[in-house]
């Protein structure tokens, strides 16, 4: 993810979260980062990557998937409902 996208995400969070919510998110991100460091990612071969791309293209051509706007709406709803539960 680019620095500009990360900065925009931070600005969004700064504007929407309370200090307690920020601490909650920070703690969960740190815990998750620690877990990810313990389990390194498996490298993919070019054949595996090409197969994943082929499948994604077939799914797209078949009209499968979720439109971008719907994904962001769902993320926003999930994010706001989780924040409401912690307050």
PDB file of N, CA and C in Angstrom:
ATOM      1  N   UNK A   1       0.856  -1.165   0.000  1.00  0.00           N
ATOM      2  CA  UNK A   1       0.000   0.000   0.000  1.00  0.00           C
ATOM      3  C   UNK A   1       0.906   1.233   0.000  1.00  0.00           C
ATOM      4  N   UNK A   2       0.541   2.210  -0.791  1.00  0.00           N
ATOM      5  CA  UNK A   2       1.380   3.400  -0.925  1.00  0.00           C
ATOM      6  C   UNK A   2       1.302   4.279   0.335  1.00  0.00           C
ATOM      7  N   UNK A   3       2.312   5.106   0.500  1.00  0.00           N
ATOM      8  CA  UNK A   3       2.352   6.025   1.634  1.00  0.00           C
ATOM      9  C   UNK A   3       1.171   6.982   1.589  1.00  0.00           C
ATOM     10  N   UNK A   4       0.797   7.412   0.395  1.00  0.00           N
ATOM     11  CA  UNK A   4      -0.322   8.348   0.286  1.00  0.00           C
ATOM     12  C   UNK A   4      -1.630   7.699   0.722  1.00  0.00           C
ATOM     13  N   UNK A   5      -1.845   6.431   0.351  1.00  0.00           N
ATOM     14  CA  UNK A   5      -3.061   5.725   0.771  1.00  0.00           C
ATOM     15  C   UNK A   5      -3.056   5.537   2.282  1.00  0.00           C
ATOM     16  N   UNK A   6      -1.905   5.160   2.836  1.00  0.00           N
ATOM     17  CA  UNK A   6      -1.808   4.986   4.287  1.00  0.00           C
ATOM     18  C   UNK A   6      -2.063   6.304   5.014  1.00  0.00           C
ATOM     19  N   UNK A   7      -1.523   7.401   4.486  1.00  0.00           N
ATOM     20  CA  UNK A   7      -1.763   8.706   5.103  1.00  0.00           C
ATOM     21  C   UNK A   7      -3.238   9.077   5.058  1.00  0.00           C
ATOM     22  N   UNK A   8      -3.894   8.794   3.936  1.00  0.00           N
ATOM     23  CA  UNK A   8      -5.328   9.069   3.835  1.00  0.00           C
ATOM     24  C   UNK A   8      -6.120   8.238   4.834  1.00  0.00           C
ATOM     25  N   UNK A   9      -5.734   6.983   4.999  1.00  0.00           N
ATOM     26  CA  UNK A   9      -6.397   6.123   5.983  1.00  0.00           C
ATOM     27  C   UNK A   9      -6.212   6.687   7.385  1.00  0.00           C
ATOM     28  N   UNK A  10      -5.004   7.105   7.703  1.00  0.00           N
ATOM     29  CA  UNK A  10      -4.748   7.703   9.020  1.00  0.00           C
ATOM     30  C   UNK A  10      -5.597   8.949   9.232  1.00  0.00           C
ATOM     31  N   UNK A  11      -5.652   9.815   8.242  1.00  0.00           N
ATOM     32  CA  UNK A  11      -6.445  11.031   8.363  1.00  0.00           C
ATOM     33  C   UNK A  11      -7.916  10.699   8.588  1.00  0.00           C
ATOM     34  N   UNK A  12      -8.417   9.683   7.882  1.00  0.00           N
ATOM     35  CA  UNK A  12      -9.803   9.253   8.067  1.00  0.00           C
ATOM     36  C   UNK A  12     -10.018   8.769   9.502  1.00  0.00           C
ATOM     37  N   UNK A  13      -9.092   7.952   9.999  1.00  0.00           N
ATOM     38  CA  UNK A  13      -9.218   7.427  11.358  1.00  0.00           C
ATOM     39  C   UNK A  13      -9.110   8.541  12.389  1.00  0.00           C
ATOM     40  N   UNK A  14      -8.186   9.477  12.178  1.00  0.00           N
ATOM     41  CA  UNK A  14      -8.053  10.607  13.100  1.00  0.00           C
ATOM     42  C   UNK A  14      -9.365  11.371  13.214  1.00  0.00           C
ATOM     43  N   UNK A  15     -10.055  11.506  12.102  1.00  0.00           N
ATOM     44  CA  UNK A  15     -11.271  12.292  12.080  1.00  0.00           C
ATOM     45  C   UNK A  15     -12.499  11.562  12.585  1.00  0.00           C
ATOM     46  N   UNK A  16     -12.427  10.234  12.700  1.00  0.00           N
ATOM     47  CA  UNK A  16     -13.633   9.477  13.063  1.00  0.00           C
ATOM     48  C   UNK A  16     -13.537   8.746  14.398  1.00  0.00           C
ATOM     49  N   UNK A  17     -12.327   8.513  14.889  1.00  0.00           N
ATOM     50  CA  UNK A  17     -12.175   7.716  16.110  1.00  0.00           C
ATOM     51  C   UNK A  17     -11.944   8.581  17.344  1.00  0.00           C
ATOM     52  N   UNK A  18     -12.457   8.079  18.449  1.00  0.00           N
ATOM     53  CA  UNK A  18     -12.140   8.705  19.735  1.00  0.00           C
ATOM     54  C   UNK A  18     -10.754   8.223  20.161  1.00  0.00           C
ATOM     55  N   UNK A  19     -10.136   8.877  21.128  1.00  0.00           N
ATOM     56  CA  UNK A  19      -8.839   8.404  21.609  1.00  0.00           C
ATOM     57  C   UNK A  19      -8.882   6.934  22.075  1.00  0.00           C
ATOM     58  N   UNK A  20      -9.966   6.528  22.757  1.00  0.00           N
ATOM     59  CA  UNK A  20     -10.065   5.129  23.194  1.00  0.00           C
ATOM     60  C   UNK A  20     -10.157   4.180  22.005  1.00  0.00           C
ATOM     61  N   UNK A  21     -10.921   4.571  20.969  1.00  0.00           N
ATOM     62  CA  UNK A  21     -11.020   3.748  19.769  1.00  0.00           C
ATOM     63  C   UNK A  21      -9.664   3.638  19.080  1.00  0.00           C
ATOM     64  N   UNK A  22      -8.907   4.741  19.058  1.00  0.00           N
ATOM     65  CA  UNK A  22      -7.575   4.721  18.442  1.00  0.00           C
ATOM     66  C   UNK A  22      -6.661   3.739  19.170  1.00  0.00           C
ATOM     67  N   UNK A  23      -6.716   3.754  20.494  1.00  0.00           N
ATOM     68  CA  UNK A  23      -5.889   2.817  21.270  1.00  0.00           C
ATOM     69  C   UNK A  23      -6.300   1.378  20.994  1.00  0.00           C
ATOM     70  N   UNK A  24      -7.616   1.142  20.896  1.00  0.00           N
ATOM     71  CA  UNK A  24      -8.128  -0.207  20.626  1.00  0.00           C
ATOM     72  C   UNK A  24      -7.620  -0.696  19.269  1.00  0.00           C
ATOM     73  N   UNK A  25      -7.735   0.152  18.243  1.00  0.00           N
ATOM     74  CA  UNK A  25      -7.270  -0.223  16.905  1.00  0.00           C
ATOM     75  C   UNK A  25      -5.764  -0.458  16.926  1.00  0.00           C
ATOM     76  N   UNK A  26      -5.024   0.438  17.573  1.00  0.00           N
ATOM     77  CA  UNK A  26      -3.568   0.314  17.630  1.00  0.00           C
ATOM     78  C   UNK A  26      -3.154  -1.001  18.290  1.00  0.00           C
ATOM     79  N   UNK A  27      -3.794  -1.352  19.390  1.00  0.00           N
ATOM     80  CA  UNK A  27      -3.461  -2.601  20.075  1.00  0.00           C
ATOM     81  C   UNK A  27      -3.731  -3.809  19.192  1.00  0.00           C
ATOM     82  N   UNK A  28      -4.873  -3.806  18.507  1.00  0.00           N
ATOM     83  CA  UNK A  28      -5.210  -4.939  17.641  1.00  0.00           C
ATOM     84  C   UNK A  28      -4.267  -5.030  16.440  1.00  0.00           C
ATOM     85  N   UNK A  29      -3.896  -3.885  15.881  1.00  0.00           N
ATOM     86  CA  UNK A  29      -2.947  -3.895  14.770  1.00  0.00           C
ATOM     87  C   UNK A  29      -1.583  -4.424  15.211  1.00  0.00           C
ATOM     88  N   UNK A  30      -1.142  -4.019  16.390  1.00  0.00           N
ATOM     89  CA  UNK A  30       0.151  -4.503  16.898  1.00  0.00           C
ATOM     90  C   UNK A  30       0.117  -6.013  17.132  1.00  0.00           C
ATOM     91  N   UNK A  31      -0.961  -6.504  17.728  1.00  0.00           N
ATOM     92  CA  UNK A  31      -1.087  -7.945  17.963  1.00  0.00           C
ATOM     93  C   UNK A  31      -1.092  -8.711  16.647  1.00  0.00           C
ATOM     94  N   UNK A  32      -1.824  -8.208  15.688  1.00  0.00           N
ATOM     95  CA  UNK A  32      -1.906  -8.880  14.395  1.00  0.00           C
ATOM     96  C   UNK A  32      -0.550  -8.858  13.678  1.00  0.00           C
ATOM     97  N   UNK A  33       0.151  -7.721  13.747  1.00  0.00           N
ATOM     98  CA  UNK A  33       1.471  -7.615  13.129  1.00  0.00           C
ATOM     99  C   UNK A  33       2.436  -8.605  13.762  1.00  0.00           C
ATOM    100  N   UNK A  34       2.368  -8.755  15.082  1.00  0.00           N
ATOM    101  CA  UNK A  34       3.232  -9.713  15.767  1.00  0.00           C
ATOM    102  C   UNK A  34       2.953 -11.136  15.305  1.00  0.00           C
ATOM    103  N   UNK A  35       1.684 -11.472  15.122  1.00  0.00           N
ATOM    104  CA  UNK A  35       1.320 -12.809  14.657  1.00  0.00           C
ATOM    105  C   UNK A  35       1.801 -13.042  13.227  1.00  0.00           C
ATOM    106  N   UNK A  36       1.708 -12.021  12.393  1.00  0.00           N
ATOM    107  CA  UNK A  36       2.132 -12.161  11.003  1.00  0.00           C
ATOM    108  C   UNK A  36       3.638 -12.377  10.908  1.00  0.00           C
ATOM    109  N   UNK A  37       4.391 -11.743  11.769  1.00  0.00           N
ATOM    110  CA  UNK A  37       5.840 -11.909  11.750  1.00  0.00           C
ATOM    111  C   UNK A  37       6.223 -13.328  12.126  1.00  0.00           C
ATOM    112  N   UNK A  38       5.413 -13.974  12.953  1.00  0.00           N
ATOM    113  CA  UNK A  38       5.692 -15.332  13.377  1.00  0.00           C
ATOM    114  C   UNK A  38       5.438 -16.336  12.256  1.00  0.00           C
ATOM    115  N   UNK A  39       4.496 -16.025  11.363  1.00  0.00           N
ATOM    116  CA  UNK A  39       4.155 -16.928  10.268  1.00  0.00           C
ATOM    117  C   UNK A  39       4.469 -16.228   8.946  1.00  0.00           C
ATOM    118  N   UNK A  40       5.685 -16.452   8.402  1.00  0.00           N
ATOM    119  CA  UNK A  40       6.041 -15.776   7.164  1.00  0.00           C
ATOM    120  C   UNK A  40       5.168 -16.248   5.992  1.00  0.00           C
ATOM    121  N   UNK A  41       5.014 -15.368   5.020  1.00  0.00           N
ATOM    122  CA  UNK A  41       4.208 -15.693   3.860  1.00  0.00           C
ATOM    123  C   UNK A  41       4.906 -16.719   2.980  1.00  0.00           C
ATOM    124  N   UNK A  42       4.089 -17.569   2.376  1.00  0.00           N
ATOM    125  CA  UNK A  42       4.608 -18.573   1.462  1.00  0.00           C
ATOM    126  C   UNK A  42       4.830 -17.901   0.104  1.00  0.00           C
ATOM    127  N   UNK A  43       6.018 -18.042  -0.472  1.00  0.00           N
ATOM    128  CA  UNK A  43       6.228 -17.455  -1.791  1.00  0.00           C
ATOM    129  C   UNK A  43       5.478 -18.253  -2.863  1.00  0.00           C
ATOM    130  N   UNK A  44       4.953 -17.563  -3.858  1.00  0.00           N
ATOM    131  CA  UNK A  44       4.243 -18.210  -4.955  1.00  0.00           C
ATOM    132  C   UNK A  44       5.169 -18.352  -6.157  1.00  0.00           C
ATOM    133  N   UNK A  45       4.952 -19.407  -6.930  1.00  0.00           N
ATOM    134  CA  UNK A  45       5.671 -19.559  -8.192  1.00  0.00           C
ATOM    135  C   UNK A  45       4.947 -18.725  -9.246  1.00  0.00           C
ATOM    136  N   UNK A  46       5.608 -18.458 -10.347  1.00  0.00           N
ATOM    137  CA  UNK A  46       4.965 -17.718 -11.435  1.00  0.00           C
ATOM    138  C   UNK A  46       3.768 -18.496 -11.973  1.00  0.00           C
ATOM    139  N   UNK A  47       3.841 -19.816 -11.975  1.00  0.00           N
ATOM    140  CA  UNK A  47       2.712 -20.626 -12.440  1.00  0.00           C
ATOM    141  C   UNK A  47       1.498 -20.437 -11.531  1.00  0.00           C
ATOM    142  N   UNK A  48       1.727 -20.396 -10.217  1.00  0.00           N
ATOM    143  CA  UNK A  48       0.629 -20.188  -9.271  1.00  0.00           C
ATOM    144  C   UNK A  48       0.022 -18.795  -9.432  1.00  0.00           C
ATOM    145  N   UNK A  49       0.874 -17.807  -9.623  1.00  0.00           N
ATOM    146  CA  UNK A  49       0.385 -16.434  -9.802  1.00  0.00           C
ATOM    147  C   UNK A  49      -0.438 -16.341 -11.079  1.00  0.00           C
ATOM    148  N   UNK A  50       0.072 -16.922 -12.175  1.00  0.00           N
ATOM    149  CA  UNK A  50      -0.664 -16.882 -13.433  1.00  0.00           C
ATOM    150  C   UNK A  50      -1.996 -17.613 -13.321  1.00  0.00           C
ATOM    151  N   UNK A  51      -2.028 -18.723 -12.592  1.00  0.00           N
ATOM    152  CA  UNK A  51      -3.283 -19.459 -12.400  1.00  0.00           C
ATOM    153  C   UNK A  51      -4.288 -18.622 -11.616  1.00  0.00           C
ATOM    154  N   UNK A  52      -3.821 -17.906 -10.592  1.00  0.00           N
ATOM    155  CA  UNK A  52      -4.716 -17.038  -9.812  1.00  0.00           C
ATOM    156  C   UNK A  52      -5.253 -15.906 -10.684  1.00  0.00           C
ATOM    157  N   UNK A  53      -4.392 -15.327 -11.524  1.00  0.00           N
ATOM    158  CA  UNK A  53      -4.829 -14.264 -12.420  1.00  0.00           C
ATOM    159  C   UNK A  53      -5.837 -14.782 -13.445  1.00  0.00           C
ATOM    160  N   UNK A  54      -5.580 -15.965 -13.993  1.00  0.00           N
ATOM    161  CA  UNK A  54      -6.518 -16.561 -14.947  1.00  0.00           C
ATOM    162  C   UNK A  54      -7.884 -16.772 -14.317  1.00  0.00           C
ATOM    163  N   UNK A  55      -7.900 -17.294 -13.077  1.00  0.00           N
ATOM    164  CA  UNK A  55      -9.168 -17.527 -12.383  1.00  0.00           C
ATOM    165  C   UNK A  55      -9.882 -16.205 -12.125  1.00  0.00           C
ATOM    166  N   UNK A  56      -9.147 -15.193 -11.692  1.00  0.00           N
ATOM    167  CA  UNK A  56      -9.745 -13.889 -11.420  1.00  0.00           C
ATOM    168  C   UNK A  56     -10.348 -13.294 -12.695  1.00  0.00           C
ATOM    169  N   UNK A  57      -9.652 -13.439 -13.813  1.00  0.00           N
ATOM    170  CA  UNK A  57     -10.166 -12.916 -15.082  1.00  0.00           C
ATOM    171  C   UNK A  57     -11.426 -13.657 -15.513  1.00  0.00           C
ATOM    172  N   UNK A  58     -11.432 -14.985 -15.330  1.00  0.00           N
ATOM    173  CA  UNK A  58     -12.627 -15.769 -15.671  1.00  0.00           C
ATOM    174  C   UNK A  58     -13.804 -15.364 -14.789  1.00  0.00           C
ATOM    175  N   UNK A  59     -13.545 -15.195 -13.489  1.00  0.00           N
ATOM    176  CA  UNK A  59     -14.600 -14.781 -12.558  1.00  0.00           C
ATOM    177  C   UNK A  59     -15.137 -13.402 -12.940  1.00  0.00           C
ATOM    178  N   UNK A  60     -14.240 -12.500 -13.294  1.00  0.00           N
ATOM    179  CA  UNK A  60     -14.651 -11.146 -13.685  1.00  0.00           C
ATOM    180  C   UNK A  60     -15.516 -11.195 -14.943  1.00  0.00           C
ATOM    181  N   UNK A  61     -15.060 -11.955 -15.943  1.00  0.00           N
ATOM    182  CA  UNK A  61     -15.818 -12.079 -17.190  1.00  0.00           C
ATOM    183  C   UNK A  61     -17.189 -12.711 -16.960  1.00  0.00           C
ATOM    184  N   UNK A  62     -17.293 -13.585 -15.945  1.00  0.00           N
ATOM    185  CA  UNK A  62     -18.559 -14.253 -15.636  1.00  0.00           C
ATOM    186  C   UNK A  62     -19.471 -13.380 -14.767  1.00  0.00           C
ATOM    187  N   UNK A  63     -18.994 -12.195 -14.412  1.00  0.00           N
ATOM    188  CA  UNK A  63     -19.814 -11.298 -13.595  1.00  0.00           C
ATOM    189  C   UNK A  63     -19.784 -11.639 -12.117  1.00  0.00           C
ATOM    190  N   UNK A  64     -18.832 -12.458 -11.711  1.00  0.00           N
ATOM    191  CA  UNK A  64     -18.710 -12.811 -10.298  1.00  0.00           C
ATOM    192  C   UNK A  64     -17.917 -11.730  -9.572  1.00  0.00           C
ATOM    193  N   UNK A  65     -18.088 -11.669  -8.299  1.00  0.00           N
ATOM    194  CA  UNK A  65     -17.368 -10.675  -7.513  1.00  0.00           C
ATOM    195  C   UNK A  65     -18.310  -9.644  -6.937  1.00  0.00           C
ATOM    196  N   UNK A  66     -17.730  -8.676  -6.260  1.00  0.00           N
ATOM    197  CA  UNK A  66     -18.507  -7.633  -5.602  1.00  0.00           C
ATOM    198  C   UNK A  66     -18.006  -6.289  -6.114  1.00  0.00           C
ATOM    199  N   UNK A  67     -18.919  -5.405  -6.525  1.00  0.00           N
ATOM    200  CA  UNK A  67     -18.481  -4.081  -6.983  1.00  0.00           C
ATOM    201  C   UNK A  67     -17.730  -3.323  -5.893  1.00  0.00           C
ATOM    202  N   UNK A  68     -16.800  -2.498  -6.308  1.00  0.00           N
ATOM    203  CA  UNK A  68     -15.961  -1.724  -5.401  1.00  0.00           C
ATOM    204  C   UNK A  68     -16.784  -0.934  -4.388  1.00  0.00           C
ATOM    205  N   UNK A  69     -17.835  -0.272  -4.857  1.00  0.00           N
ATOM    206  CA  UNK A  69     -18.646   0.554  -3.965  1.00  0.00           C
ATOM    207  C   UNK A  69     -19.279  -0.283  -2.862  1.00  0.00           C
ATOM    208  N   UNK A  70     -19.711  -1.502  -3.203  1.00  0.00           N
ATOM    209  CA  UNK A  70     -20.344  -2.366  -2.201  1.00  0.00           C
ATOM    210  C   UNK A  70     -19.332  -2.842  -1.166  1.00  0.00           C
ATOM    211  N   UNK A  71     -18.134  -3.159  -1.624  1.00  0.00           N
ATOM    212  CA  UNK A  71     -17.082  -3.600  -0.694  1.00  0.00           C
ATOM    213  C   UNK A  71     -16.797  -2.504   0.321  1.00  0.00           C
ATOM    214  N   UNK A  72     -16.613  -1.261  -0.161  1.00  0.00           N
ATOM    215  CA  UNK A  72     -16.304  -0.165   0.750  1.00  0.00           C
ATOM    216  C   UNK A  72     -17.461   0.130   1.688  1.00  0.00           C
ATOM    217  N   UNK A  73     -18.705   0.000   1.197  1.00  0.00           N
ATOM    218  CA  UNK A  73     -19.868   0.214   2.055  1.00  0.00           C
ATOM    219  C   UNK A  73     -19.883  -0.823   3.174  1.00  0.00           C
ATOM    220  N   UNK A  74     -19.614  -2.098   2.820  1.00  0.00           N
ATOM    221  CA  UNK A  74     -19.607  -3.159   3.821  1.00  0.00           C
ATOM    222  C   UNK A  74     -18.493  -2.954   4.841  1.00  0.00           C
ATOM    223  N   UNK A  75     -17.323  -2.546   4.370  1.00  0.00           N
ATOM    224  CA  UNK A  75     -16.208  -2.290   5.289  1.00  0.00           C
ATOM    225  C   UNK A  75     -16.569  -1.159   6.248  1.00  0.00           C
ATOM    226  N   UNK A  76     -17.148  -0.096   5.693  1.00  0.00           N
ATOM    227  CA  UNK A  76     -17.541   1.045   6.519  1.00  0.00           C
ATOM    228  C   UNK A  76     -18.574   0.630   7.565  1.00  0.00           C
ATOM    229  N   UNK A  77     -19.585  -0.154   7.156  1.00  0.00           N
ATOM    230  CA  UNK A  77     -20.609  -0.618   8.102  1.00  0.00           C
ATOM    231  C   UNK A  77     -19.987  -1.500   9.186  1.00  0.00           C
ATOM    232  N   UNK A  78     -19.112  -2.424   8.783  1.00  0.00           N
ATOM    233  CA  UNK A  78     -18.475  -3.325   9.741  1.00  0.00           C
ATOM    234  C   UNK A  78     -17.622  -2.514  10.728  1.00  0.00           C
ATOM    235  N   UNK A  79     -16.870  -1.563  10.198  1.00  0.00           N
ATOM    236  CA  UNK A  79     -15.993  -0.748  11.022  1.00  0.00           C
ATOM    237  C   UNK A  79     -16.798   0.037  12.049  1.00  0.00           C
ATOM    238  N   UNK A  80     -17.865   0.670  11.609  1.00  0.00           N
ATOM    239  CA  UNK A  80     -18.668   1.478  12.521  1.00  0.00           C
ATOM    240  C   UNK A  80     -19.409   0.611  13.554  1.00  0.00           C
ATOM    241  N   UNK A  81     -19.837  -0.585  13.167  1.00  0.00           N
ATOM    242  CA  UNK A  81     -20.537  -1.437  14.143  1.00  0.00           C
ATOM    243  C   UNK A  81     -19.546  -1.957  15.199  1.00  0.00           C
ATOM    244  N   UNK A  82     -18.310  -2.269  14.780  1.00  0.00           N
ATOM    245  CA  UNK A  82     -17.310  -2.725  15.748  1.00  0.00           C
ATOM    246  C   UNK A  82     -16.917  -1.609  16.705  1.00  0.00           C
ATOM    247  N   UNK A  83     -16.827  -0.395  16.214  1.00  0.00           N
ATOM    248  CA  UNK A  83     -16.506   0.741  17.077  1.00  0.00           C
ATOM    249  C   UNK A  83     -17.606   0.952  18.077  1.00  0.00           C
ATOM    250  N   UNK A  84     -18.861   0.845  17.631  1.00  0.00           N
ATOM    251  CA  UNK A  84     -19.993   1.037  18.526  1.00  0.00           C
ATOM    252  C   UNK A  84     -19.985   0.012  19.648  1.00  0.00           C
ATOM    253  N   UNK A  85     -19.530  -1.208  19.357  1.00  0.00           N
ATOM    254  CA  UNK A  85     -19.492  -2.261  20.377  1.00  0.00           C
ATOM    255  C   UNK A  85     -18.447  -1.985  21.434  1.00  0.00           C
ATOM    256  N   UNK A  86     -17.371  -1.269  21.076  1.00  0.00           N
ATOM    257  CA  UNK A  86     -16.280  -1.024  22.033  1.00  0.00           C
ATOM    258  C   UNK A  86     -16.507   0.207  22.883  1.00  0.00           C
ATOM    259  N   UNK A  87     -17.463   1.013  22.499  1.00  0.00           N
ATOM    260  CA  UNK A  87     -17.696   2.272  23.238  1.00  0.00           C
ATOM    261  C   UNK A  87     -18.630   2.036  24.394  1.00  0.00           C
TER     262      UNK A  87
END
